[in-house]
Amino acid sequence: MINHKTKKIFLALSCWLLICNVCNAQNELLAKSRVAKQRDIIGTWKMTYQTVSPLFKDKSLFFANHQIFQFFEDGYVKNISSKKRLAPEKVSHLLQSMPKSNMYGVVDNGMLIIERSKHDLDVIAISIAIDDFKKALRSAASVLKKGDLIVSYRDPNQNLYMQRYLRRLTINPN
């Protein structure tokens, strides 16, 4: 039987380990990533991880578990959202057949702005891993690799409501 004093010590030690782990992850984030520039994001990306605040999550495709993004040099972006994984040839066909209708831009401070219309836009903090990480930044998250993007969505009050990791995807055209 564990006494009250032992429980307190165990609880304090557990809290300390959790805080140390979070601090180490934050230190690794600062040491192994930097603000992304537009040239860093040109290409096709597959989402490898997503976490969403329960206050925002709904059943819309915006929060779908499978996301593909294609950023072009001319400021256009295409996005495929799906509730199920798509075959590579299907992804390639969809991206080729989609019109370029959504615009994006990257501001110097690492803010990615995606505009679907004048009244529908996302403001996203974006950074890029410049080295492989040793630990996951969040529980259940994939470990970031050099070149991965970390995209953090914020509401109008600058509160983080969603974070995604994106990894470069090579697609063979049909």
Protein backbone atom coordinates (compact mmCIF):
# COMPACT_ATOMS: atom_id res chain seq x y z
CA MET A 1 0.00 0.00 0.00
CA ILE A 2 1.35 3.43 -0.96
CA ASN A 3 1.18 6.06 1.75
CA HIS A 4 0.13 9.69 1.27
CA LYS A 5 3.70 11.05 1.33
CA THR A 6 4.83 8.58 -1.36
CA LYS A 7 1.86 9.59 -3.56
CA LYS A 8 2.83 13.27 -3.26
CA ILE A 9 6.46 12.53 -4.15
CA PHE A 10 5.36 10.40 -7.11
CA LEU A 11 2.97 13.13 -8.31
CA ALA A 12 5.63 15.85 -7.98
CA LEU A 13 8.18 13.73 -9.84
CA SER A 14 5.67 12.97 -12.61
CA CYS A 15 4.88 16.68 -13.03
CA TRP A 16 8.57 17.54 -13.10
CA LEU A 17 9.25 14.91 -15.80
CA LEU A 18 6.34 16.18 -17.89
CA ILE A 19 7.58 19.78 -17.64
CA CYS A 20 11.13 18.72 -18.53
CA ASN A 21 9.88 16.77 -21.54
CA VAL A 22 7.85 19.78 -22.78
CA CYS A 23 10.84 22.11 -22.23
CA ASN A 24 13.17 19.73 -24.08
CA ALA A 25 10.71 19.49 -26.98
CA GLN A 26 10.43 23.29 -27.13
CA ASN A 27 14.23 23.63 -27.04
CA GLU A 28 14.52 21.13 -29.88
CA LEU A 29 11.87 23.05 -31.83
CA LEU A 30 13.83 26.28 -31.45
CA ALA A 31 17.15 24.63 -32.32
CA LYS A 32 15.96 22.52 -35.26
CA SER A 33 13.43 24.73 -37.07
CA ARG A 34 13.15 28.18 -38.55
CA VAL A 35 10.49 30.42 -40.03
CA ALA A 36 9.57 29.14 -43.50
CA LYS A 37 9.88 31.29 -46.59
CA GLN A 38 7.79 30.99 -49.75
CA ARG A 39 10.58 29.14 -51.58
CA ASP A 40 10.55 26.49 -48.83
CA ILE A 41 6.93 25.51 -49.43
CA ILE A 42 6.81 25.32 -53.24
CA GLY A 43 5.81 21.77 -54.16
CA THR A 44 3.42 19.05 -53.04
CA TRP A 45 2.92 18.10 -49.39
CA LYS A 46 1.15 15.33 -47.51
CA MET A 47 -0.15 15.85 -43.99
CA THR A 48 1.52 13.41 -41.57
CA TYR A 49 -0.03 14.67 -38.33
CA GLN A 50 -2.91 16.86 -37.21
CA THR A 51 -4.25 17.95 -33.85
CA VAL A 52 -7.37 20.09 -33.52
CA SER A 53 -8.95 21.79 -30.53
CA PRO A 54 -12.26 20.08 -29.72
CA LEU A 55 -13.84 23.55 -29.62
CA PHE A 56 -13.28 23.92 -33.37
CA LYS A 57 -13.35 20.40 -34.81
CA ASP A 58 -16.36 19.45 -36.85
CA LYS A 59 -17.10 16.90 -39.54
CA SER A 60 -16.12 19.19 -42.42
CA LEU A 61 -13.38 18.21 -44.85
CA PHE A 62 -11.28 21.09 -43.51
CA PHE A 63 -10.38 18.78 -40.61
CA ALA A 64 -10.21 15.55 -42.67
CA ASN A 65 -7.46 13.10 -41.74
CA HIS A 66 -5.93 13.03 -45.22
CA GLN A 67 -4.76 16.32 -46.71
CA ILE A 68 -2.57 17.09 -49.73
CA PHE A 69 -1.35 20.62 -50.48
CA GLN A 70 0.33 21.82 -53.66
CA PHE A 71 1.96 25.27 -53.58
CA PHE A 72 2.98 26.95 -56.85
CA GLU A 73 5.57 29.67 -57.44
CA ASP A 74 2.88 31.95 -58.90
CA GLY A 75 1.02 32.20 -55.56
CA TYR A 76 -1.66 29.58 -56.11
CA VAL A 77 -2.37 26.61 -53.86
CA LYS A 78 -4.43 23.48 -54.39
CA ASN A 79 -5.77 21.32 -51.57
CA ILE A 80 -7.23 17.82 -51.53
CA SER A 81 -9.09 16.85 -48.35
CA SER A 82 -10.34 13.31 -47.89
CA LYS A 83 -11.66 11.15 -45.09
CA LYS A 84 -9.81 8.17 -46.60
CA ARG A 85 -6.32 7.70 -48.00
CA LEU A 86 -6.11 8.21 -51.76
CA ALA A 87 -3.95 6.22 -54.16
CA PRO A 88 -0.99 8.21 -55.58
CA GLU A 89 -2.37 8.05 -59.13
CA LYS A 90 -5.71 9.44 -57.90
CA VAL A 91 -3.88 12.30 -56.11
CA SER A 92 -1.91 13.09 -59.25
CA HIS A 93 -5.06 13.09 -61.42
CA LEU A 94 -7.02 15.27 -58.97
CA LEU A 95 -4.21 17.85 -58.67
CA GLN A 96 -3.80 18.04 -62.45
CA SER A 97 -7.53 18.47 -63.05
CA MET A 98 -8.19 21.05 -60.30
CA PRO A 99 -8.24 24.71 -61.33
CA LYS A 100 -5.92 27.18 -59.65
CA SER A 101 -8.43 29.23 -57.66
CA ASN A 102 -6.99 29.71 -54.15
CA MET A 103 -4.19 32.18 -53.54
CA TYR A 104 -1.49 32.17 -50.86
CA GLY A 105 1.36 34.34 -49.70
CA VAL A 106 4.07 34.12 -47.06
CA VAL A 107 4.79 37.21 -44.99
CA ASP A 108 8.36 37.76 -43.74
CA ASN A 109 7.55 36.75 -40.17
CA GLY A 110 6.56 33.23 -41.24
CA MET A 111 2.84 33.81 -41.61
CA LEU A 112 1.20 31.89 -44.43
CA ILE A 113 -2.05 33.41 -45.67
CA ILE A 114 -4.36 31.23 -47.77
CA GLU A 115 -7.25 33.08 -49.40
CA ARG A 116 -10.20 31.14 -50.81
CA SER A 117 -12.29 34.32 -51.11
CA LYS A 118 -12.26 37.83 -49.66
CA HIS A 119 -14.21 36.54 -46.65
CA ASP A 120 -12.57 33.12 -46.29
CA LEU A 121 -8.90 33.06 -45.41
CA ASP A 122 -6.52 31.29 -43.06
CA VAL A 123 -3.62 32.88 -41.22
CA ILE A 124 -1.09 30.20 -40.39
CA ALA A 125 2.28 30.34 -38.62
CA ILE A 126 4.63 28.20 -40.69
CA SER A 127 8.09 26.89 -39.94
CA ILE A 128 10.38 24.29 -41.45
CA ALA A 129 12.51 21.63 -39.77
CA ILE A 130 16.17 22.24 -40.62
CA ASP A 131 17.34 19.02 -38.98
CA ASP A 132 15.82 15.69 -37.93
CA PHE A 133 14.17 15.78 -34.51
CA LYS A 134 14.95 13.16 -31.87
CA LYS A 135 11.59 13.35 -30.09
CA ALA A 136 8.01 14.03 -31.03
CA LEU A 137 6.83 17.52 -30.03
CA ARG A 138 3.40 16.23 -29.01
CA SER A 139 2.14 12.88 -27.82
CA ALA A 140 0.96 10.70 -30.71
CA ALA A 141 2.70 13.02 -33.22
CA SER A 142 5.18 11.80 -35.78
CA VAL A 143 8.81 12.76 -35.24
CA LEU A 144 9.71 15.65 -37.53
CA LYS A 145 12.33 15.13 -40.22
CA LYS A 146 14.50 17.70 -41.98
CA GLY A 147 12.34 19.56 -44.52
CA ASP A 148 8.99 18.92 -42.80
CA LEU A 149 6.66 21.88 -42.39
CA ILE A 150 4.99 22.76 -39.09
CA VAL A 151 1.78 24.71 -39.74
CA SER A 152 -0.06 26.26 -36.81
CA TYR A 153 -3.53 27.65 -37.45
CA ARG A 154 -4.70 30.54 -35.29
CA ASP A 155 -8.10 32.12 -34.79
CA PRO A 156 -8.61 35.92 -35.08
CA ASN A 157 -7.52 36.27 -31.41
CA GLN A 158 -4.23 34.45 -32.18
CA ASN A 159 -5.26 31.32 -30.24
CA LEU A 160 -3.84 28.10 -31.67
CA TYR A 161 -6.68 25.82 -32.73
CA MET A 162 -4.99 23.35 -35.09
CA GLN A 163 -1.50 22.16 -35.91
CA ARG A 164 -0.41 20.04 -38.85
CA TYR A 165 2.87 18.53 -39.97
CA LEU A 166 3.45 18.32 -43.71
CA ARG A 167 6.04 16.20 -45.51
CA ARG A 168 7.12 16.66 -49.12
CA LEU A 169 5.36 14.28 -51.52
CA THR A 170 6.76 13.27 -54.88
CA ILE A 171 4.04 12.67 -57.46
CA ASN A 172 4.62 11.12 -60.85
CA PRO A 173 2.51 12.84 -63.51
CA ASN A 174 0.32 10.54 -65.61
